[in-house]
Amino acid sequence: MLELSRWKITLVLVSVIFGFVFTLPNLLPDSVLAQMPSFLPHQRLNLGLDLQGGSSLLYEVDANALKQERLNDLMEEASSELHDAQIQFQGLNAANGVVALRINDLGQIEQAATALGKVGSVTPGVGREVTVTHDAAGNFQIALTPQALQQGVRNAVAQTIEIIRRRIDLLGTKEPDIRQQGLDRIAIEAPGESDPEKLKSVVGQTAKLTFQMVDEGVQAQDLTTVVPPDDVVLPSEERQEKFVVVKRRVSVDGGMLTHAAQSYDQNGAAIVDFRLNGAGAHRFGQVTSENVGHRFAIILDDKVISAPVIQTPILGGQGQISGNFTVDSANQLALLLNSGALPAPLHVVEQGTVGADLGADAVRAGVTGLAIGAALIFGFIILAYGLFGVFAAIALVVNLLMMFGALSMTQATLTLPGIAGLILTMAVAVDANVLIYERMRDEANAGRPAMAAADAGYRRAMTSIFDANVTTMISALIMFSFGAGPVKGFAWTLSIGVITSVFSAILVTQLLVGWWFRVTRAKTLPIA
């Protein structure tokens, strides 16, 4: 095993160069890094929240609101199916977790059951999302199945994570950590973002935009005003009226938007210009053509921003949203509309902030801890094994270079637990060298020649080294799979460290020991 094979020398040299090239950007100032040739790597380690400072938020998806919204959709579907089947009904409502109605003609119960059987969707792995029940008096109930509710929450969380990521990216925050916790919670860490309120205002707003016709024949004094089943009362942000009655049916929704941007109207007031896709432009033009002279409500998160009178048909698919906007609020609304609406409201469960000074202190503490750990490990291995200890120390330096290079290449986020993982992997690497050197010592004491003892030390220690590092890797993979945040960062650092430490402890020291035997022709081991 101590042969200086060409492939071993090449592999070690390539690994050292790799580690140096990918670690170097972390040591260079921004001005120097910007001038480096483009073919050289520019990736740096990302510092986590505990090292850089920033804000953290823990949100919970409002499953009840998600369920109610789906019930409202089912109510519209039920009404449409019964109208198509020419079945008259009354008392249609979505309350207490079900859609309820009663048909007028008891002779049409079977027809109604067939028509309502078309309501809802069928999802692979979940099956039909609703159950339809009725009694002899013609009372029907449509309920969501528990499996459909869980699947709806899972889909909403996955969609919310992507929307939040787009919103935070538009803020310019670098490398946010957004992950799911449990069934309906989302944890967000935004390093460098020191204002959690700003983060909440961008992340937590649902930004559901709809255009709905105003029912001009009904006036509302408050939210409890009784209105026709096809109407709903919404609060208004317009000064002349506090509440507006609008049609439940959505004429155009924000999903049809392709672009939104802050602008100014003729009077210099801040507005939001928007552009619709082809289907949205066609629908918008159709609705405005059919309702010239009537009021059209622009609704954001169940609040009427404005409800202007349609003066002329709007056929180009472009329009503007006006209201009591400042330039900042108009810009923020445009950002939210461009990133898409959240599928359900979010509630803050927990929030926190790590100051930049505290993050800098953590960096200094981490670097100090790493330096002290490295010094102690170097001192021990050199004092215990002399020259071969120096070879092990050189291998540790190569190990650190490879680790930092790999972490930088993968754009990993380094946290305090990650630094702990770095120190632990250095100890793991030294442990491998201790096993090898002690095996060499045993072979030499048994009467073997020096080179044969060294060769046997590497060969016979391999099984123990392999077993120990496989179990460590399994533990790291379990932590990475089931852990979150700092635990995941620790696991990732440990996983990379296990691979690089085994490589450096075996191959690098093996080349150095082999080179030493070739140069000195030694007859005894310096560790015997």
Protein backbone atom coordinates (compact mmCIF):
# COMPACT_ATOMS: atom_id res chain seq x y z
CA MET A 1 0.00 0.00 0.00
CA LEU A 2 3.00 2.31 0.42
CA GLU A 3 3.82 2.34 -3.31
CA LEU A 4 4.01 5.85 -4.76
CA SER A 5 1.60 5.09 -7.59
CA ARG A 6 1.10 7.75 -10.23
CA TRP A 7 -2.68 7.70 -9.78
CA LYS A 8 -2.35 8.27 -6.04
CA ILE A 9 -0.02 11.24 -6.52
CA THR A 10 -2.31 12.70 -9.19
CA LEU A 11 -5.43 12.24 -7.07
CA VAL A 12 -3.88 13.93 -4.03
CA LEU A 13 -2.53 16.84 -6.10
CA VAL A 14 -5.91 17.37 -7.79
CA SER A 15 -7.65 17.27 -4.40
CA VAL A 16 -5.26 19.84 -2.93
CA ILE A 17 -5.70 22.14 -5.93
CA PHE A 18 -9.46 21.70 -5.77
CA GLY A 19 -9.55 22.59 -2.08
CA PHE A 20 -7.30 25.61 -2.53
CA VAL A 21 -9.12 27.02 -5.57
CA PHE A 22 -12.60 26.70 -4.06
CA THR A 23 -11.52 27.89 -0.61
CA LEU A 24 -9.65 30.96 -1.90
CA PRO A 25 -12.75 33.14 -2.65
CA ASN A 26 -13.64 33.01 1.07
CA LEU A 27 -10.28 34.65 1.92
CA LEU A 28 -10.26 37.38 -0.72
CA PRO A 29 -11.89 40.83 -0.40
CA ASP A 30 -14.79 41.60 -2.76
CA SER A 31 -12.71 43.96 -4.92
CA VAL A 32 -10.07 41.29 -5.60
CA LEU A 33 -12.64 38.53 -6.15
CA ALA A 34 -14.46 40.65 -8.76
CA GLN A 35 -11.25 40.93 -10.79
CA MET A 36 -10.57 37.20 -10.86
CA PRO A 37 -11.01 35.46 -14.24
CA SER A 38 -14.52 34.18 -14.86
CA PHE A 39 -13.36 30.57 -15.31
CA LEU A 40 -12.21 30.47 -11.69
CA PRO A 41 -14.81 29.71 -9.00
CA HIS A 42 -16.35 32.71 -7.22
CA GLN A 43 -18.64 30.82 -4.82
CA ARG A 44 -18.31 31.54 -1.14
CA LEU A 45 -19.59 29.87 1.98
CA ASN A 46 -22.90 31.33 3.07
CA LEU A 47 -23.03 32.27 6.74
CA GLY A 48 -26.13 31.15 8.61
CA LEU A 49 -28.42 33.26 10.74
CA ASP A 50 -26.42 32.65 13.92
CA LEU A 51 -23.18 33.82 12.27
CA GLN A 52 -24.39 36.67 10.06
CA GLY A 53 -27.42 37.99 11.94
CA GLY A 54 -30.89 38.30 10.45
CA SER A 55 -34.52 37.41 11.03
CA SER A 56 -36.38 34.16 11.54
CA LEU A 57 -40.09 33.49 11.25
CA LEU A 58 -42.23 30.43 11.89
CA TYR A 59 -45.56 30.48 10.06
CA GLU A 60 -48.58 28.21 10.22
CA VAL A 61 -50.83 27.76 7.20
CA ASP A 62 -54.47 28.52 8.07
CA ALA A 63 -56.00 25.13 7.28
CA ASN A 64 -59.50 26.32 8.28
CA ALA A 65 -59.37 29.21 5.81
CA LEU A 66 -58.08 26.85 3.15
CA LYS A 67 -60.97 24.47 3.85
CA GLN A 68 -63.55 27.30 3.77
CA GLU A 69 -62.21 28.58 0.45
CA ARG A 70 -62.49 25.11 -1.05
CA LEU A 71 -66.05 24.77 0.31
CA ASN A 72 -66.94 28.09 -1.34
CA ASP A 73 -65.63 26.71 -4.64
CA LEU A 74 -67.67 23.53 -4.14
CA MET A 75 -70.72 25.66 -3.42
CA GLU A 76 -70.29 27.41 -6.78
CA GLU A 77 -69.83 24.04 -8.50
CA ALA A 78 -72.96 22.62 -6.83
CA SER A 79 -75.02 25.65 -7.87
CA SER A 80 -73.77 25.34 -11.47
CA GLU A 81 -74.46 21.59 -11.68
CA LEU A 82 -78.01 21.95 -10.31
CA HIS A 83 -78.79 24.83 -12.65
CA ASP A 84 -77.54 22.79 -15.62
CA ALA A 85 -79.79 19.91 -14.50
CA GLN A 86 -82.72 22.36 -14.11
CA ILE A 87 -83.18 21.47 -10.45
CA GLN A 88 -84.46 24.22 -8.20
CA PHE A 89 -83.01 24.51 -4.70
CA GLN A 90 -82.78 26.79 -1.70
CA GLY A 91 -80.66 27.43 1.38
CA LEU A 92 -77.31 26.96 -0.37
CA ASN A 93 -74.52 27.78 2.10
CA ALA A 94 -71.04 26.72 3.15
CA ALA A 95 -70.91 26.59 6.94
CA ASN A 96 -69.86 24.22 9.73
CA GLY A 97 -67.44 22.43 7.42
CA VAL A 98 -70.00 21.36 4.78
CA VAL A 99 -71.92 22.70 1.80
CA ALA A 100 -75.65 22.38 2.53
CA LEU A 101 -78.75 22.91 0.36
CA ARG A 102 -82.29 21.64 -0.05
CA ILE A 103 -84.01 20.87 -3.33
CA ASN A 104 -87.57 22.06 -3.87
CA ASP A 105 -88.96 19.04 -5.75
CA LEU A 106 -88.55 15.80 -3.80
CA GLY A 107 -89.16 13.88 -7.01
CA GLN A 108 -85.76 15.08 -8.26
CA ILE A 109 -83.69 13.66 -5.40
CA GLU A 110 -82.02 11.02 -7.58
CA GLN A 111 -81.35 13.56 -10.34
CA ALA A 112 -79.87 15.94 -7.77
CA ALA A 113 -77.67 13.18 -6.34
CA THR A 114 -76.38 12.42 -9.83
CA ALA A 115 -75.73 16.10 -10.57
CA LEU A 116 -73.97 16.74 -7.25
CA GLY A 117 -71.92 13.57 -7.74
CA LYS A 118 -69.99 15.54 -10.37
CA VAL A 119 -68.90 18.13 -7.81
CA GLY A 120 -65.27 18.03 -6.69
CA SER A 121 -62.28 16.29 -8.19
CA VAL A 122 -60.59 12.91 -8.10
CA THR A 123 -56.92 12.87 -7.06
CA PRO A 124 -54.59 9.88 -7.59
CA GLY A 125 -53.71 8.36 -4.24
CA VAL A 126 -56.48 10.29 -2.49
CA GLY A 127 -59.56 9.37 -4.47
CA ARG A 128 -62.68 11.49 -4.59
CA GLU A 129 -62.25 14.62 -2.50
CA VAL A 130 -65.91 14.94 -1.38
CA THR A 131 -68.73 12.84 -0.02
CA VAL A 132 -72.34 13.68 -0.91
CA THR A 133 -75.15 12.64 1.43
CA HIS A 134 -78.89 13.38 1.49
CA ASP A 135 -82.06 12.50 3.36
CA ALA A 136 -85.65 11.86 2.33
CA ALA A 137 -86.56 15.52 2.90
CA GLY A 138 -84.25 16.62 0.06
CA ASN A 139 -81.47 18.01 2.29
CA PHE A 140 -78.04 17.51 0.72
CA GLN A 141 -74.62 17.90 2.32
CA ILE A 142 -71.26 17.97 0.55
CA ALA A 143 -68.21 17.40 2.78
CA LEU A 144 -64.48 17.21 2.12
CA THR A 145 -62.81 13.92 3.04
CA PRO A 146 -59.99 13.97 5.66
CA GLN A 147 -57.57 12.68 3.01
CA ALA A 148 -58.49 15.55 0.68
CA LEU A 149 -58.04 18.08 3.48
CA GLN A 150 -54.56 16.75 4.32
CA GLN A 151 -53.57 16.69 0.66
CA GLY A 152 -54.86 20.24 0.27
CA VAL A 153 -52.73 21.42 3.19
CA ARG A 154 -49.66 19.63 1.83
CA ASN A 155 -50.14 21.20 -1.59
CA ALA A 156 -50.73 24.62 -0.04
CA VAL A 157 -47.53 24.39 2.03
CA ALA A 158 -45.43 23.34 -0.99
CA GLN A 159 -46.90 26.15 -3.10
CA THR A 160 -46.48 28.67 -0.28
CA ILE A 161 -42.79 27.81 0.11
CA GLU A 162 -42.13 28.54 -3.56
CA ILE A 163 -44.08 31.82 -3.44
CA ILE A 164 -42.27 32.92 -0.28
CA ARG A 165 -38.94 32.10 -1.92
CA ARG A 166 -39.82 34.29 -4.91
CA ARG A 167 -40.88 37.15 -2.65
CA ILE A 168 -37.73 37.04 -0.54
CA ASP A 169 -35.57 36.80 -3.67
CA LEU A 170 -37.23 39.97 -4.97
CA LEU A 171 -36.26 41.66 -1.68
CA GLY A 172 -32.63 40.90 -2.49
CA THR A 173 -32.04 38.74 0.59
CA LYS A 174 -29.25 36.25 -0.13
CA GLU A 175 -29.70 32.53 0.43
CA PRO A 176 -32.86 32.42 2.58
CA ASP A 177 -33.52 29.12 4.31
CA ILE A 178 -37.18 28.16 3.81
CA ARG A 179 -38.33 24.73 4.90
CA GLN A 180 -41.43 22.84 5.98
CA GLN A 181 -41.90 21.83 9.60
CA GLY A 182 -44.55 19.23 10.31
CA LEU A 183 -47.69 19.19 8.21
CA ASP A 184 -48.66 22.86 8.11
CA ARG A 185 -45.75 24.99 9.35
CA ILE A 186 -43.06 26.85 7.42
CA ALA A 187 -39.79 28.07 8.98
CA ILE A 188 -37.96 30.99 7.37
CA GLU A 189 -34.45 32.22 8.10
CA ALA A 190 -33.28 35.30 6.22
CA PRO A 191 -29.59 36.05 7.00
CA GLY A 192 -28.78 39.75 6.70
CA GLU A 193 -32.42 40.88 6.95
CA SER A 194 -32.46 42.76 10.25
CA ASP A 195 -36.07 43.95 10.14
CA PRO A 196 -38.52 41.10 10.85
CA GLU A 197 -41.51 43.42 10.38
CA LYS A 198 -40.45 44.17 6.82
CA LEU A 199 -40.01 40.46 6.21
CA LYS A 200 -43.46 39.76 7.67
CA SER A 201 -45.12 42.42 5.53
CA VAL A 202 -43.73 40.83 2.37
CA VAL A 203 -44.02 37.16 3.33
CA GLY A 204 -47.22 37.04 5.33
CA GLN A 205 -49.62 38.95 3.10
CA THR A 206 -51.79 36.60 1.06
CA ALA A 207 -51.95 39.05 -1.91
CA LYS A 208 -55.02 37.42 -3.42
CA LEU A 209 -56.26 39.83 -6.08
CA THR A 210 -59.70 39.51 -7.66
CA PHE A 211 -61.99 41.66 -9.81
CA GLN A 212 -65.68 41.30 -8.98
CA MET A 213 -68.81 43.20 -9.96
CA VAL A 214 -70.47 45.40 -7.34
CA ASP A 215 -74.14 44.69 -6.55
CA GLU A 216 -75.32 48.29 -6.80
CA GLY A 217 -78.84 47.36 -5.68
CA VAL A 218 -77.77 46.42 -2.15
CA GLN A 219 -76.27 48.67 0.52
CA ALA A 220 -74.40 47.35 3.57
CA GLN A 221 -74.00 49.06 6.93
CA ASP A 222 -71.64 46.46 8.37
CA LEU A 223 -70.32 42.95 7.74
CA THR A 224 -73.42 41.36 9.28
CA THR A 225 -75.81 42.90 6.74
CA VAL A 226 -78.03 40.21 5.19
CA VAL A 227 -77.41 40.03 1.43
CA PRO A 228 -78.54 37.67 -1.37
CA PRO A 229 -76.77 34.27 -1.52
CA ASP A 230 -74.79 35.30 -4.60
CA ASP A 231 -73.38 38.39 -2.83
CA VAL A 232 -70.86 39.01 -0.09
CA VAL A 233 -70.12 42.07 2.07
CA LEU A 234 -66.49 43.23 2.12
CA PRO A 235 -64.77 46.10 3.96
CA SER A 236 -63.65 48.97 1.76
CA GLU A 237 -60.55 51.14 1.90
CA GLU A 238 -62.30 53.91 0.02
CA ARG A 239 -63.15 56.92 2.16
CA GLN A 240 -66.71 57.44 0.90
CA GLU A 241 -67.95 53.99 1.97
CA LYS A 242 -66.85 51.52 4.63
CA PHE A 243 -68.49 48.41 3.17
CA VAL A 244 -69.25 47.25 -0.37
CA VAL A 245 -71.55 44.44 -1.51
CA VAL A 246 -69.98 42.49 -4.37
CA LYS A 247 -70.94 39.44 -6.39
CA ARG A 248 -69.37 36.22 -5.13
CA ARG A 249 -68.43 35.22 -8.65
CA VAL A 250 -64.88 36.26 -9.51
CA SER A 251 -64.74 37.87 -12.93
CA VAL A 252 -60.93 37.97 -13.21
CA ASP A 253 -58.33 36.81 -10.65
CA GLY A 254 -54.72 37.62 -9.94
CA GLY A 255 -53.56 34.32 -11.40
CA MET A 256 -54.11 35.88 -14.82
CA LEU A 257 -51.58 38.68 -14.14
CA THR A 258 -48.30 38.54 -16.02
CA HIS A 259 -46.71 41.73 -14.70
CA ALA A 260 -47.29 44.49 -12.17
CA ALA A 261 -45.26 47.65 -11.52
CA GLN A 262 -45.51 50.82 -9.46
CA SER A 263 -46.35 53.92 -11.49
CA TYR A 264 -48.08 57.31 -11.22
CA ASP A 265 -51.43 58.60 -12.45
CA GLN A 266 -52.04 61.97 -14.09
CA ASN A 267 -52.20 63.68 -10.71
CA GLY A 268 -48.88 62.22 -9.56
CA ALA A 269 -50.45 59.74 -7.13
CA ALA A 270 -48.84 56.30 -6.74
CA ILE A 271 -50.66 53.49 -8.54
CA VAL A 272 -49.93 49.94 -9.69
CA ASP A 273 -50.02 49.18 -13.41
CA PHE A 274 -50.81 45.60 -14.36
CA ARG A 275 -50.91 43.44 -17.46
CA LEU A 276 -53.01 40.29 -17.98
CA ASN A 277 -52.33 37.16 -20.02
CA GLY A 278 -54.33 36.29 -23.12
CA ALA A 279 -57.19 34.56 -21.27
CA GLY A 280 -57.31 37.30 -18.67
CA ALA A 281 -57.30 40.07 -21.26
CA HIS A 282 -60.18 38.39 -23.15
CA ARG A 283 -62.20 37.90 -19.96
CA PHE A 284 -61.45 41.43 -18.72
CA GLY A 285 -62.51 42.91 -22.03
CA GLN A 286 -65.71 40.83 -22.05
CA VAL A 287 -66.71 41.82 -18.51
CA THR A 288 -65.99 45.52 -18.98
CA SER A 289 -67.81 45.56 -22.33
CA GLU A 290 -70.92 44.01 -20.79
CA ASN A 291 -70.95 46.28 -17.73
CA VAL A 292 -70.24 49.80 -18.99
CA GLY A 293 -71.69 52.26 -16.46
CA HIS A 294 -71.52 49.78 -13.58
CA ARG A 295 -69.02 49.53 -10.72
CA PHE A 296 -66.19 47.03 -10.81
CA ALA A 297 -64.50 46.20 -7.48
CA ILE A 298 -60.75 45.61 -7.22
CA ILE A 299 -60.29 43.35 -4.19
CA LEU A 300 -57.06 42.47 -2.39
CA ASP A 301 -57.21 39.93 0.43
CA ASP A 302 -60.96 40.38 0.88
CA LYS A 303 -60.72 44.17 1.09
CA VAL A 304 -62.04 46.48 -1.63
CA ILE A 305 -59.16 48.73 -2.70
CA SER A 306 -61.30 50.65 -5.14
CA ALA A 307 -64.60 50.21 -6.95
CA PRO A 308 -64.62 52.53 -9.96
CA VAL A 309 -67.36 52.86 -12.56
CA ILE A 310 -66.50 51.23 -15.90
CA GLN A 311 -66.48 54.16 -18.33
CA THR A 312 -65.45 52.29 -21.49
CA PRO A 313 -64.52 48.68 -22.32
CA ILE A 314 -60.91 47.81 -21.40
CA LEU A 315 -59.75 45.62 -24.27
CA GLY A 316 -55.95 45.70 -24.15
CA GLY A 317 -55.45 43.51 -21.11
CA GLN A 318 -53.80 46.38 -19.24
CA GLY A 319 -55.12 48.42 -16.34
CA GLN A 320 -54.19 50.16 -13.13
CA ILE A 321 -55.00 49.79 -9.46
CA SER A 322 -55.45 53.04 -7.61
CA GLY A 323 -56.06 53.62 -3.92
CA ASN A 324 -54.50 55.27 -0.91
CA PHE A 325 -51.00 54.14 -1.92
CA THR A 326 -47.62 55.54 -1.04
CA VAL A 327 -44.72 54.82 -3.40
CA ASP A 328 -43.43 52.14 -0.98
CA SER A 329 -46.82 50.44 -0.56
CA ALA A 330 -47.42 50.49 -4.32
CA ASN A 331 -43.98 48.95 -4.90
CA GLN A 332 -44.68 46.29 -2.28
CA LEU A 333 -48.06 45.44 -3.82
CA ALA A 334 -46.42 45.09 -7.24
CA LEU A 335 -43.80 42.77 -5.70
CA LEU A 336 -46.51 40.63 -4.09
CA LEU A 337 -48.58 40.44 -7.28
CA ASN A 338 -45.54 39.48 -9.35
CA SER A 339 -44.62 36.66 -6.95
CA GLY A 340 -48.18 35.28 -6.86
CA ALA A 341 -50.85 34.96 -4.21
CA LEU A 342 -50.53 32.62 -1.28
CA PRO A 343 -53.01 29.73 -1.43
CA ALA A 344 -54.01 30.32 2.21
CA PRO A 345 -53.43 32.90 4.95
CA LEU A 346 -50.39 32.51 7.21
CA HIS A 347 -50.24 33.07 10.96
CA VAL A 348 -47.01 33.93 12.79
CA VAL A 349 -46.25 31.31 15.42
CA GLU A 350 -42.79 32.56 16.36
CA GLN A 351 -40.34 35.24 15.29
CA GLY A 352 -36.80 36.15 16.24
CA THR A 353 -33.89 38.38 15.33
CA VAL A 354 -30.13 37.89 15.61
CA GLY A 355 -28.24 41.19 15.51
CA ALA A 356 -25.26 41.66 13.20
CA ASP A 357 -22.98 42.31 16.20
CA LEU A 358 -24.06 39.10 17.86
CA GLY A 359 -23.47 37.26 14.57
CA ALA A 360 -19.96 38.75 14.33
CA ASP A 361 -19.25 37.66 17.90
CA ALA A 362 -20.41 34.15 17.00
CA VAL A 363 -18.08 34.12 13.97
CA ARG A 364 -15.14 35.16 16.13
CA ALA A 365 -16.03 32.56 18.74
CA GLY A 366 -16.37 29.89 16.08
CA VAL A 367 -13.05 30.74 14.44
CA THR A 368 -11.37 30.84 17.83
CA GLY A 369 -12.84 27.47 18.75
CA LEU A 370 -11.74 25.99 15.41
CA ALA A 371 -8.22 27.38 15.85
CA ILE A 372 -7.91 26.10 19.42
CA GLY A 373 -9.27 22.69 18.43
CA ALA A 374 -6.87 22.46 15.50
CA ALA A 375 -3.91 23.52 17.66
CA LEU A 376 -4.71 20.94 20.33
CA ILE A 377 -5.16 18.19 17.76
CA PHE A 378 -1.92 19.14 15.97
CA GLY A 379 -0.04 19.28 19.26
CA PHE A 380 -1.31 15.89 20.40
CA ILE A 381 -0.63 14.04 17.16
CA ILE A 382 2.87 15.51 16.79
CA LEU A 383 3.84 14.86 20.40
CA ALA A 384 2.47 11.32 20.25
CA TYR A 385 3.89 10.25 16.88
CA GLY A 386 6.73 12.61 16.02
CA LEU A 387 7.46 12.82 12.31
CA PHE A 388 4.49 10.69 11.38
CA GLY A 389 2.43 13.08 13.53
CA VAL A 390 3.67 15.93 11.29
CA PHE A 391 2.47 13.92 8.28
CA ALA A 392 -0.93 13.55 9.96
CA ALA A 393 -1.02 17.32 10.63
CA ILE A 394 -0.31 18.00 6.93
CA ALA A 395 -3.13 15.63 6.04
CA LEU A 396 -5.43 17.57 8.38
CA VAL A 397 -4.62 20.81 6.55
CA VAL A 398 -5.48 19.09 3.25
CA ASN A 399 -8.65 17.80 4.89
CA LEU A 400 -9.70 21.33 5.93
CA LEU A 401 -8.95 22.68 2.44
CA MET A 402 -11.08 19.97 0.84
CA MET A 403 -13.90 20.49 3.33
CA PHE A 404 -14.06 24.25 2.81
CA GLY A 405 -13.73 23.75 -0.93
CA ALA A 406 -16.61 21.26 -1.02
CA LEU A 407 -18.81 23.44 1.21
CA SER A 408 -18.09 26.49 -0.94
CA MET A 409 -18.73 24.61 -4.19
CA THR A 410 -22.11 23.36 -2.95
CA GLN A 411 -23.00 26.84 -1.60
CA ALA A 412 -23.64 25.33 1.82
CA THR A 413 -24.70 27.53 4.72
CA LEU A 414 -22.24 27.46 7.60
CA THR A 415 -23.70 27.74 11.10
CA LEU A 416 -22.28 27.38 14.61
CA PRO A 417 -23.27 23.69 14.68
CA GLY A 418 -21.54 23.41 11.31
CA ILE A 419 -18.33 24.72 12.85
CA ALA A 420 -18.76 22.08 15.55
CA GLY A 421 -19.04 19.54 12.75
CA LEU A 422 -15.74 20.81 11.29
CA ILE A 423 -13.96 20.33 14.61
CA LEU A 424 -15.52 16.88 15.05
CA THR A 425 -14.37 15.73 11.61
CA MET A 426 -10.82 16.85 12.40
CA ALA A 427 -10.96 14.60 15.45
CA VAL A 428 -12.35 11.79 13.28
CA ALA A 429 -9.45 12.22 10.84
CA VAL A 430 -6.91 12.08 13.67
CA ASP A 431 -8.65 9.02 15.09
CA ALA A 432 -8.03 7.22 11.79
CA ASN A 433 -4.34 8.14 11.94
CA VAL A 434 -4.14 6.94 15.55
CA LEU A 435 -5.57 3.56 14.51
CA ILE A 436 -3.07 3.27 11.67
CA TYR A 437 -0.04 4.34 13.70
CA GLU A 438 -0.88 2.14 16.67
CA ARG A 439 -1.29 -0.80 14.32
CA MET A 440 2.14 0.01 12.85
CA ARG A 441 3.60 0.07 16.35
CA ASP A 442 2.08 -3.32 17.15
CA GLU A 443 3.44 -4.83 13.94
CA ALA A 444 6.93 -3.39 14.59
CA ASN A 445 6.91 -4.71 18.17
CA ALA A 446 5.98 -8.12 16.77
CA GLY A 447 9.32 -8.13 14.88
CA ARG A 448 8.31 -6.99 11.39
CA PRO A 449 10.66 -4.78 9.39
CA ALA A 450 9.78 -1.06 9.43
CA MET A 451 8.34 -0.81 5.94
CA ALA A 452 6.40 -4.06 6.27
CA ALA A 453 5.03 -2.88 9.63
CA ALA A 454 3.93 0.42 8.10
CA ASP A 455 2.29 -1.33 5.16
CA ALA A 456 0.49 -3.75 7.49
CA GLY A 457 -0.63 -0.85 9.66
CA TYR A 458 -2.51 0.71 6.76
CA ARG A 459 -3.96 -2.58 5.50
CA ARG A 460 -5.13 -3.95 8.84
CA ALA A 461 -6.53 -0.68 10.20
CA MET A 462 -8.72 -0.18 7.13
CA THR A 463 -11.56 -2.38 8.43
CA SER A 464 -11.85 -0.50 11.72
CA ILE A 465 -11.63 2.87 9.97
CA PHE A 466 -14.25 1.86 7.42
CA ASP A 467 -16.68 0.54 10.06
CA ALA A 468 -16.33 3.63 12.28
CA ASN A 469 -16.87 6.09 9.43
CA VAL A 470 -19.78 4.18 7.91
CA THR A 471 -21.65 4.34 11.22
CA THR A 472 -20.85 8.06 11.49
CA MET A 473 -22.11 8.61 7.94
CA ILE A 474 -25.33 6.74 8.69
CA SER A 475 -25.91 8.96 11.72
CA ALA A 476 -25.22 12.07 9.62
CA LEU A 477 -27.67 10.95 6.92
CA ILE A 478 -30.38 10.33 9.54
CA MET A 479 -29.84 13.81 11.00
CA PHE A 480 -29.88 15.36 7.53
CA SER A 481 -33.07 13.54 6.53
CA PHE A 482 -35.09 14.20 9.67
CA GLY A 483 -33.43 17.25 11.18
CA ALA A 484 -34.06 20.90 10.42
CA GLY A 485 -32.05 24.12 10.43
CA PRO A 486 -28.82 23.89 12.46
CA VAL A 487 -29.11 20.10 12.84
CA LYS A 488 -29.23 19.74 9.06
CA GLY A 489 -26.22 22.06 8.68
CA PHE A 490 -24.27 20.03 11.22
CA ALA A 491 -25.18 16.80 9.41
CA TRP A 492 -24.12 18.16 6.00
CA THR A 493 -20.78 19.40 7.33
CA LEU A 494 -20.20 16.09 9.12
CA SER A 495 -21.03 14.07 5.98
CA ILE A 496 -18.53 15.97 3.84
CA GLY A 497 -15.99 15.82 6.65
CA VAL A 498 -16.23 12.05 6.97
CA ILE A 499 -15.43 11.59 3.27
CA THR A 500 -12.54 14.09 3.20
CA SER A 501 -11.10 12.89 6.53
CA VAL A 502 -10.92 9.26 5.38
CA PHE A 503 -9.30 10.38 2.12
CA SER A 504 -6.70 12.56 3.84
CA ALA A 505 -6.01 10.24 6.76
CA ILE A 506 -5.34 7.25 4.51
CA LEU A 507 -4.19 8.43 1.10
CA VAL A 508 -2.32 11.66 1.97
CA THR A 509 -0.41 10.23 4.94
CA GLN A 510 0.23 7.05 2.96
CA LEU A 511 1.99 9.02 0.21
CA LEU A 512 4.00 11.03 2.75
CA VAL A 513 5.07 7.90 4.67
CA GLY A 514 5.93 6.10 1.42
CA TRP A 515 7.97 9.11 0.23
CA TRP A 516 9.80 9.17 3.60
CA PHE A 517 10.75 5.49 3.31
CA ARG A 518 11.99 5.99 -0.26
CA VAL A 519 14.18 8.96 0.72
CA THR A 520 15.56 7.71 4.06
CA ARG A 521 15.62 3.94 3.55
CA ALA A 522 14.72 3.78 7.28
CA LYS A 523 15.07 0.51 9.15
CA THR A 524 13.00 1.57 12.19
CA LEU A 525 9.75 3.43 12.64
CA PRO A 526 9.92 6.90 14.28
CA ILE A 527 6.87 5.94 16.39
CA ALA A 528 8.11 2.58 17.72
